[in-house]
Amino acid sequence: MKVRIPSPLVSYTGGAKEVEARGATLGEVLDDLNRLYPGFRFRVVDEQDKLRPHVRFFVNGEQVFGIDRALAVGDDVTLVQALSGG
């Protein structure tokens, strides 16, 4: 399935803003992305397998709050990274 990558993370995907990954759940897709792009998963998921608070995940336009979310072939996965500053 296609996964859209936010600009702050494209350095981990070799500059690609959209990549292909496989998996039946969001967690499996992140594992596949980590296989293809080592270190990617740690940027979006913490040590307790929780989504990092500055990253939002959307599947078919609907926000997802856990990596256990089931996915189907053809689902559209988008990552959005929040910006902060002072």
PDB file of N, CA and C in Angstrom:
ATOM      1  N   MET A   1       0.833  -1.172   0.000  1.00  0.00           N
ATOM      2  CA  MET A   1       0.000   0.000   0.000  1.00  0.00           C
ATOM      3  C   MET A   1       0.872   1.228   0.000  1.00  0.00           C
ATOM      4  N   LYS A   2       0.321   2.337  -0.436  1.00  0.00           N
ATOM      5  CA  LYS A   2       1.060   3.586  -0.466  1.00  0.00           C
ATOM      6  C   LYS A   2       1.013   4.250   0.902  1.00  0.00           C
ATOM      7  N   VAL A   3       2.169   4.762   1.309  1.00  0.00           N
ATOM      8  CA  VAL A   3       2.288   5.484   2.565  1.00  0.00           C
ATOM      9  C   VAL A   3       2.896   6.837   2.254  1.00  0.00           C
ATOM     10  N   ARG A   4       2.187   7.890   2.632  1.00  0.00           N
ATOM     11  CA  ARG A   4       2.691   9.249   2.429  1.00  0.00           C
ATOM     12  C   ARG A   4       3.520   9.653   3.646  1.00  0.00           C
ATOM     13  N   ILE A   5       4.702  10.193   3.381  1.00  0.00           N
ATOM     14  CA  ILE A   5       5.662  10.521   4.417  1.00  0.00           C
ATOM     15  C   ILE A   5       5.748  12.044   4.550  1.00  0.00           C
ATOM     16  N   PRO A   6       5.707  12.568   5.790  1.00  0.00           N
ATOM     17  CA  PRO A   6       5.822  14.019   5.954  1.00  0.00           C
ATOM     18  C   PRO A   6       7.243  14.499   5.674  1.00  0.00           C
ATOM     19  N   SER A   7       7.366  15.737   5.252  1.00  0.00           N
ATOM     20  CA  SER A   7       8.666  16.305   4.876  1.00  0.00           C
ATOM     21  C   SER A   7       9.754  16.110   5.928  1.00  0.00           C
ATOM     22  N   PRO A   8       9.478  16.283   7.240  1.00  0.00           N
ATOM     23  CA  PRO A   8      10.552  16.104   8.220  1.00  0.00           C
ATOM     24  C   PRO A   8      11.114  14.678   8.280  1.00  0.00           C
ATOM     25  N   LEU A   9      10.414  13.699   7.703  1.00  0.00           N
ATOM     26  CA  LEU A   9      10.879  12.312   7.769  1.00  0.00           C
ATOM     27  C   LEU A   9      11.404  11.769   6.438  1.00  0.00           C
ATOM     28  N   VAL A  10      11.372  12.573   5.386  1.00  0.00           N
ATOM     29  CA  VAL A  10      11.818  12.057   4.092  1.00  0.00           C
ATOM     30  C   VAL A  10      13.318  11.770   4.053  1.00  0.00           C
ATOM     31  N   SER A  11      14.067  12.333   4.976  1.00  0.00           N
ATOM     32  CA  SER A  11      15.498  11.999   5.009  1.00  0.00           C
ATOM     33  C   SER A  11      15.709  10.528   5.368  1.00  0.00           C
ATOM     34  N   TYR A  12      14.727   9.913   6.026  1.00  0.00           N
ATOM     35  CA  TYR A  12      14.808   8.492   6.380  1.00  0.00           C
ATOM     36  C   TYR A  12      14.350   7.580   5.258  1.00  0.00           C
ATOM     37  N   THR A  13      13.675   8.144   4.256  1.00  0.00           N
ATOM     38  CA  THR A  13      13.192   7.338   3.124  1.00  0.00           C
ATOM     39  C   THR A  13      13.941   7.678   1.842  1.00  0.00           C
ATOM     40  N   GLY A  14      15.126   8.206   1.986  1.00  0.00           N
ATOM     41  CA  GLY A  14      15.927   8.540   0.815  1.00  0.00           C
ATOM     42  C   GLY A  14      15.331   9.651  -0.027  1.00  0.00           C
ATOM     43  N   GLY A  15      14.531  10.518   0.597  1.00  0.00           N
ATOM     44  CA  GLY A  15      13.923  11.631  -0.113  1.00  0.00           C
ATOM     45  C   GLY A  15      12.546  11.345  -0.670  1.00  0.00           C
ATOM     46  N   ALA A  16      12.076  10.113  -0.537  1.00  0.00           N
ATOM     47  CA  ALA A  16      10.760   9.749  -1.084  1.00  0.00           C
ATOM     48  C   ALA A  16       9.637  10.270  -0.185  1.00  0.00           C
ATOM     49  N   LYS A  17       8.673  10.953  -0.800  1.00  0.00           N
ATOM     50  CA  LYS A  17       7.516  11.458  -0.066  1.00  0.00           C
ATOM     51  C   LYS A  17       6.368  10.452  -0.045  1.00  0.00           C
ATOM     52  N   GLU A  18       6.475   9.436  -0.882  1.00  0.00           N
ATOM     53  CA  GLU A  18       5.478   8.370  -0.925  1.00  0.00           C
ATOM     54  C   GLU A  18       6.224   7.063  -1.154  1.00  0.00           C
ATOM     55  N   VAL A  19       5.937   6.065  -0.310  1.00  0.00           N
ATOM     56  CA  VAL A  19       6.627   4.778  -0.398  1.00  0.00           C
ATOM     57  C   VAL A  19       5.597   3.653  -0.365  1.00  0.00           C
ATOM     58  N   GLU A  20       6.023   2.480  -0.751  1.00  0.00           N
ATOM     59  CA  GLU A  20       5.183   1.278  -0.696  1.00  0.00           C
ATOM     60  C   GLU A  20       5.578   0.456   0.523  1.00  0.00           C
ATOM     61  N   ALA A  21       4.589  -0.084   1.217  1.00  0.00           N
ATOM     62  CA  ALA A  21       4.853  -0.955   2.365  1.00  0.00           C
ATOM     63  C   ALA A  21       3.746  -1.997   2.439  1.00  0.00           C
ATOM     64  N   ARG A  22       4.044  -3.086   3.165  1.00  0.00           N
ATOM     65  CA  ARG A  22       3.080  -4.182   3.325  1.00  0.00           C
ATOM     66  C   ARG A  22       2.771  -4.391   4.792  1.00  0.00           C
ATOM     67  N   GLY A  23       1.566  -4.902   5.048  1.00  0.00           N
ATOM     68  CA  GLY A  23       1.187  -5.262   6.404  1.00  0.00           C
ATOM     69  C   GLY A  23      -0.312  -5.302   6.569  1.00  0.00           C
ATOM     70  N   ALA A  24      -0.762  -6.137   7.508  1.00  0.00           N
ATOM     71  CA  ALA A  24      -2.186  -6.270   7.792  1.00  0.00           C
ATOM     72  C   ALA A  24      -2.642  -5.289   8.863  1.00  0.00           C
ATOM     73  N   THR A  25      -1.680  -4.689   9.574  1.00  0.00           N
ATOM     74  CA  THR A  25      -1.981  -3.677  10.587  1.00  0.00           C
ATOM     75  C   THR A  25      -1.022  -2.509  10.392  1.00  0.00           C
ATOM     76  N   LEU A  26      -1.320  -1.398  11.027  1.00  0.00           N
ATOM     77  CA  LEU A  26      -0.424  -0.262  10.956  1.00  0.00           C
ATOM     78  C   LEU A  26       0.944  -0.625  11.529  1.00  0.00           C
ATOM     79  N   GLY A  27       0.968  -1.399  12.602  1.00  0.00           N
ATOM     80  CA  GLY A  27       2.235  -1.842  13.183  1.00  0.00           C
ATOM     81  C   GLY A  27       3.067  -2.652  12.208  1.00  0.00           C
ATOM     82  N   GLU A  28       2.433  -3.541  11.459  1.00  0.00           N
ATOM     83  CA  GLU A  28       3.151  -4.343  10.471  1.00  0.00           C
ATOM     84  C   GLU A  28       3.674  -3.473   9.327  1.00  0.00           C
ATOM     85  N   VAL A  29       2.904  -2.481   8.931  1.00  0.00           N
ATOM     86  CA  VAL A  29       3.367  -1.546   7.901  1.00  0.00           C
ATOM     87  C   VAL A  29       4.591  -0.790   8.410  1.00  0.00           C
ATOM     88  N   LEU A  30       4.547  -0.351   9.666  1.00  0.00           N
ATOM     89  CA  LEU A  30       5.703   0.348  10.238  1.00  0.00           C
ATOM     90  C   LEU A  30       6.912  -0.570  10.340  1.00  0.00           C
ATOM     91  N   ASP A  31       6.686  -1.836  10.653  1.00  0.00           N
ATOM     92  CA  ASP A  31       7.795  -2.804  10.676  1.00  0.00           C
ATOM     93  C   ASP A  31       8.402  -2.955   9.284  1.00  0.00           C
ATOM     94  N   ASP A  32       7.542  -3.015   8.261  1.00  0.00           N
ATOM     95  CA  ASP A  32       8.032  -3.139   6.890  1.00  0.00           C
ATOM     96  C   ASP A  32       8.801  -1.883   6.486  1.00  0.00           C
ATOM     97  N   LEU A  33       8.276  -0.716   6.858  1.00  0.00           N
ATOM     98  CA  LEU A  33       9.000   0.516   6.560  1.00  0.00           C
ATOM     99  C   LEU A  33      10.357   0.531   7.253  1.00  0.00           C
ATOM    100  N   ASN A  34      10.405   0.018   8.477  1.00  0.00           N
ATOM    101  CA  ASN A  34      11.667  -0.029   9.207  1.00  0.00           C
ATOM    102  C   ASN A  34      12.654  -0.998   8.551  1.00  0.00           C
ATOM    103  N   ARG A  35      12.139  -2.071   7.976  1.00  0.00           N
ATOM    104  CA  ARG A  35      12.994  -3.011   7.239  1.00  0.00           C
ATOM    105  C   ARG A  35      13.585  -2.326   6.011  1.00  0.00           C
ATOM    106  N   LEU A  36      12.748  -1.569   5.315  1.00  0.00           N
ATOM    107  CA  LEU A  36      13.192  -0.875   4.112  1.00  0.00           C
ATOM    108  C   LEU A  36      14.049   0.350   4.424  1.00  0.00           C
ATOM    109  N   TYR A  37      13.708   1.023   5.515  1.00  0.00           N
ATOM    110  CA  TYR A  37      14.371   2.273   5.903  1.00  0.00           C
ATOM    111  C   TYR A  37      14.722   2.196   7.390  1.00  0.00           C
ATOM    112  N   PRO A  38      15.839   1.562   7.714  1.00  0.00           N
ATOM    113  CA  PRO A  38      16.214   1.350   9.117  1.00  0.00           C
ATOM    114  C   PRO A  38      16.178   2.643   9.939  1.00  0.00           C
ATOM    115  N   GLY A  39      15.556   2.533  11.116  1.00  0.00           N
ATOM    116  CA  GLY A  39      15.431   3.673  12.012  1.00  0.00           C
ATOM    117  C   GLY A  39      14.140   4.443  11.866  1.00  0.00           C
ATOM    118  N   PHE A  40      13.383   4.158  10.810  1.00  0.00           N
ATOM    119  CA  PHE A  40      12.152   4.915  10.559  1.00  0.00           C
ATOM    120  C   PHE A  40      11.123   4.728  11.682  1.00  0.00           C
ATOM    121  N   ARG A  41      10.904   3.483  12.092  1.00  0.00           N
ATOM    122  CA  ARG A  41       9.849   3.183  13.068  1.00  0.00           C
ATOM    123  C   ARG A  41      10.056   3.937  14.376  1.00  0.00           C
ATOM    124  N   PHE A  42      11.298   4.012  14.833  1.00  0.00           N
ATOM    125  CA  PHE A  42      11.580   4.682  16.099  1.00  0.00           C
ATOM    126  C   PHE A  42      11.236   6.168  16.043  1.00  0.00           C
ATOM    127  N   ARG A  43      11.217   6.736  14.870  1.00  0.00           N
ATOM    128  CA  ARG A  43      10.872   8.161  14.728  1.00  0.00           C
ATOM    129  C   ARG A  43       9.388   8.412  14.942  1.00  0.00           C
ATOM    130  N   VAL A  44       8.555   7.384  14.798  1.00  0.00           N
ATOM    131  CA  VAL A  44       7.104   7.594  14.885  1.00  0.00           C
ATOM    132  C   VAL A  44       6.435   6.788  15.993  1.00  0.00           C
ATOM    133  N   VAL A  45       7.148   5.786  16.553  1.00  0.00           N
ATOM    134  CA  VAL A  45       6.598   4.933  17.613  1.00  0.00           C
ATOM    135  C   VAL A  45       7.619   4.872  18.742  1.00  0.00           C
ATOM    136  N   ASP A  46       7.138   4.991  19.993  1.00  0.00           N
ATOM    137  CA  ASP A  46       8.066   4.967  21.124  1.00  0.00           C
ATOM    138  C   ASP A  46       8.360   3.542  21.589  1.00  0.00           C
ATOM    139  N   GLU A  47       9.110   3.429  22.682  1.00  0.00           N
ATOM    140  CA  GLU A  47       9.536   2.128  23.192  1.00  0.00           C
ATOM    141  C   GLU A  47       8.380   1.274  23.721  1.00  0.00           C
ATOM    142  N   GLN A  48       7.238   1.881  24.014  1.00  0.00           N
ATOM    143  CA  GLN A  48       6.055   1.156  24.475  1.00  0.00           C
ATOM    144  C   GLN A  48       5.062   0.878  23.346  1.00  0.00           C
ATOM    145  N   ASP A  49       5.509   0.995  22.114  1.00  0.00           N
ATOM    146  CA  ASP A  49       4.674   0.805  20.923  1.00  0.00           C
ATOM    147  C   ASP A  49       3.489   1.764  20.876  1.00  0.00           C
ATOM    148  N   LYS A  50       3.689   2.952  21.381  1.00  0.00           N
ATOM    149  CA  LYS A  50       2.677   4.012  21.307  1.00  0.00           C
ATOM    150  C   LYS A  50       3.105   4.999  20.230  1.00  0.00           C
ATOM    151  N   LEU A  51       2.142   5.516  19.507  1.00  0.00           N
ATOM    152  CA  LEU A  51       2.436   6.525  18.502  1.00  0.00           C
ATOM    153  C   LEU A  51       2.975   7.774  19.193  1.00  0.00           C
ATOM    154  N   ARG A  52       4.031   8.312  18.670  1.00  0.00           N
ATOM    155  CA  ARG A  52       4.607   9.522  19.262  1.00  0.00           C
ATOM    156  C   ARG A  52       3.617  10.674  19.141  1.00  0.00           C
ATOM    157  N   PRO A  53       3.546  11.536  20.160  1.00  0.00           N
ATOM    158  CA  PRO A  53       2.520  12.585  20.182  1.00  0.00           C
ATOM    159  C   PRO A  53       2.643  13.622  19.062  1.00  0.00           C
ATOM    160  N   HIS A  54       3.809  13.780  18.477  1.00  0.00           N
ATOM    161  CA  HIS A  54       3.972  14.780  17.425  1.00  0.00           C
ATOM    162  C   HIS A  54       3.693  14.219  16.027  1.00  0.00           C
ATOM    163  N   VAL A  55       3.303  12.951  15.942  1.00  0.00           N
ATOM    164  CA  VAL A  55       3.002  12.338  14.649  1.00  0.00           C
ATOM    165  C   VAL A  55       1.545  11.889  14.644  1.00  0.00           C
ATOM    166  N   ARG A  56       0.849  12.190  13.571  1.00  0.00           N
ATOM    167  CA  ARG A  56      -0.547  11.755  13.408  1.00  0.00           C
ATOM    168  C   ARG A  56      -0.590  10.786  12.228  1.00  0.00           C
ATOM    169  N   PHE A  57      -1.410   9.758  12.382  1.00  0.00           N
ATOM    170  CA  PHE A  57      -1.599   8.755  11.342  1.00  0.00           C
ATOM    171  C   PHE A  57      -3.039   8.820  10.861  1.00  0.00           C
ATOM    172  N   PHE A  58      -3.203   8.749   9.548  1.00  0.00           N
ATOM    173  CA  PHE A  58      -4.524   8.739   8.948  1.00  0.00           C
ATOM    174  C   PHE A  58      -4.614   7.568   7.979  1.00  0.00           C
ATOM    175  N   VAL A  59      -5.715   6.837   8.055  1.00  0.00           N
ATOM    176  CA  VAL A  59      -5.992   5.752   7.121  1.00  0.00           C
ATOM    177  C   VAL A  59      -7.285   6.118   6.408  1.00  0.00           C
ATOM    178  N   ASN A  60      -7.182   6.281   5.102  1.00  0.00           N
ATOM    179  CA  ASN A  60      -8.341   6.695   4.295  1.00  0.00           C
ATOM    180  C   ASN A  60      -8.974   7.973   4.843  1.00  0.00           C
ATOM    181  N   GLY A  61      -8.133   8.880   5.311  1.00  0.00           N
ATOM    182  CA  GLY A  61      -8.606  10.172   5.809  1.00  0.00           C
ATOM    183  C   GLY A  61      -9.079  10.185   7.245  1.00  0.00           C
ATOM    184  N   GLU A  62      -9.101   9.037   7.904  1.00  0.00           N
ATOM    185  CA  GLU A  62      -9.564   8.935   9.293  1.00  0.00           C
ATOM    186  C   GLU A  62      -8.359   8.779  10.223  1.00  0.00           C
ATOM    187  N   GLN A  63      -8.321   9.611  11.276  1.00  0.00           N
ATOM    188  CA  GLN A  63      -7.188   9.533  12.193  1.00  0.00           C
ATOM    189  C   GLN A  63      -7.177   8.210  12.952  1.00  0.00           C
ATOM    190  N   VAL A  64      -5.975   7.639  13.088  1.00  0.00           N
ATOM    191  CA  VAL A  64      -5.761   6.362  13.762  1.00  0.00           C
ATOM    192  C   VAL A  64      -4.962   6.634  15.026  1.00  0.00           C
ATOM    193  N   PHE A  65      -5.326   5.943  16.128  1.00  0.00           N
ATOM    194  CA  PHE A  65      -4.685   6.220  17.409  1.00  0.00           C
ATOM    195  C   PHE A  65      -3.849   5.067  17.939  1.00  0.00           C
ATOM    196  N   GLY A  66      -3.793   3.954  17.229  1.00  0.00           N
ATOM    197  CA  GLY A  66      -3.005   2.813  17.695  1.00  0.00           C
ATOM    198  C   GLY A  66      -2.432   2.018  16.541  1.00  0.00           C
ATOM    199  N   ILE A  67      -1.306   1.332  16.805  1.00  0.00           N
ATOM    200  CA  ILE A  67      -0.660   0.578  15.735  1.00  0.00           C
ATOM    201  C   ILE A  67      -1.363  -0.745  15.447  1.00  0.00           C
ATOM    202  N   ASP A  68      -2.360  -1.093  16.252  1.00  0.00           N
ATOM    203  CA  ASP A  68      -3.094  -2.336  16.022  1.00  0.00           C
ATOM    204  C   ASP A  68      -4.207  -2.181  14.990  1.00  0.00           C
ATOM    205  N   ARG A  69      -4.360  -1.008  14.416  1.00  0.00           N
ATOM    206  CA  ARG A  69      -5.417  -0.741  13.438  1.00  0.00           C
ATOM    207  C   ARG A  69      -5.241  -1.649  12.225  1.00  0.00           C
ATOM    208  N   ALA A  70      -6.280  -2.426  11.909  1.00  0.00           N
ATOM    209  CA  ALA A  70      -6.251  -3.327  10.750  1.00  0.00           C
ATOM    210  C   ALA A  70      -6.276  -2.508   9.464  1.00  0.00           C
ATOM    211  N   LEU A  71      -5.557  -3.010   8.461  1.00  0.00           N
ATOM    212  CA  LEU A  71      -5.502  -2.358   7.165  1.00  0.00           C
ATOM    213  C   LEU A  71      -5.903  -3.344   6.083  1.00  0.00           C
ATOM    214  N   ALA A  72      -6.396  -2.804   4.990  1.00  0.00           N
ATOM    215  CA  ALA A  72      -6.762  -3.625   3.829  1.00  0.00           C
ATOM    216  C   ALA A  72      -5.930  -3.180   2.634  1.00  0.00           C
ATOM    217  N   VAL A  73      -5.757  -4.071   1.684  1.00  0.00           N
ATOM    218  CA  VAL A  73      -5.049  -3.731   0.456  1.00  0.00           C
ATOM    219  C   VAL A  73      -5.742  -2.524  -0.173  1.00  0.00           C
ATOM    220  N   GLY A  74      -4.969  -1.563  -0.561  1.00  0.00           N
ATOM    221  CA  GLY A  74      -5.533  -0.372  -1.183  1.00  0.00           C
ATOM    222  C   GLY A  74      -5.823   0.758  -0.221  1.00  0.00           C
ATOM    223  N   ASP A  75      -5.666   0.524   1.089  1.00  0.00           N
ATOM    224  CA  ASP A  75      -5.860   1.616   2.041  1.00  0.00           C
ATOM    225  C   ASP A  75      -4.822   2.700   1.794  1.00  0.00           C
ATOM    226  N   ASP A  76      -5.204   3.917   2.093  1.00  0.00           N
ATOM    227  CA  ASP A  76      -4.337   5.073   1.936  1.00  0.00           C
ATOM    228  C   ASP A  76      -3.838   5.466   3.321  1.00  0.00           C
ATOM    229  N   VAL A  77      -2.528   5.374   3.549  1.00  0.00           N
ATOM    230  CA  VAL A  77      -1.938   5.699   4.850  1.00  0.00           C
ATOM    231  C   VAL A  77      -1.133   6.983   4.706  1.00  0.00           C
ATOM    232  N   THR A  78      -1.430   7.939   5.582  1.00  0.00           N
ATOM    233  CA  THR A  78      -0.733   9.221   5.568  1.00  0.00           C
ATOM    234  C   THR A  78      -0.208   9.527   6.952  1.00  0.00           C
ATOM    235  N   LEU A  79       1.055   9.928   7.030  1.00  0.00           N
ATOM    236  CA  LEU A  79       1.642  10.393   8.274  1.00  0.00           C
ATOM    237  C   LEU A  79       1.754  11.896   8.197  1.00  0.00           C
ATOM    238  N   VAL A  80       1.420  12.556   9.302  1.00  0.00           N
ATOM    239  CA  VAL A  80       1.530  14.005   9.395  1.00  0.00           C
ATOM    240  C   VAL A  80       2.304  14.312  10.659  1.00  0.00           C
ATOM    241  N   GLN A  81       3.333  15.144  10.534  1.00  0.00           N
ATOM    242  CA  GLN A  81       4.125  15.501  11.700  1.00  0.00           C
ATOM    243  C   GLN A  81       3.780  16.920  12.107  1.00  0.00           C
ATOM    244  N   ALA A  82       3.445  17.083  13.395  1.00  0.00           N
ATOM    245  CA  ALA A  82       3.110  18.391  13.915  1.00  0.00           C
ATOM    246  C   ALA A  82       4.364  19.258  14.026  1.00  0.00           C
ATOM    247  N   LEU A  83       4.199  20.523  13.818  1.00  0.00           N
ATOM    248  CA  LEU A  83       5.287  21.470  13.988  1.00  0.00           C
ATOM    249  C   LEU A  83       5.087  22.198  15.298  1.00  0.00           C
ATOM    250  N   SER A  84       6.174  22.531  15.947  1.00  0.00           N
ATOM    251  CA  SER A  84       6.063  23.287  17.191  1.00  0.00           C
ATOM    252  C   SER A  84       7.189  24.299  17.235  1.00  0.00           C
ATOM    253  N   GLY A  85       7.068  25.189  18.132  1.00  0.00           N
ATOM    254  CA  GLY A  85       8.099  26.200  18.263  1.00  0.00           C
ATOM    255  C   GLY A  85       7.655  27.258  19.257  1.00  0.00           C
ATOM    256  N   GLY A  86       8.440  28.230  19.398  1.00  0.00           N
ATOM    257  CA  GLY A  86       8.097  29.261  20.376  1.00  0.00           C
ATOM    258  C   GLY A  86       8.369  30.635  19.876  1.00  0.00           C
TER     259      GLY A  86
END
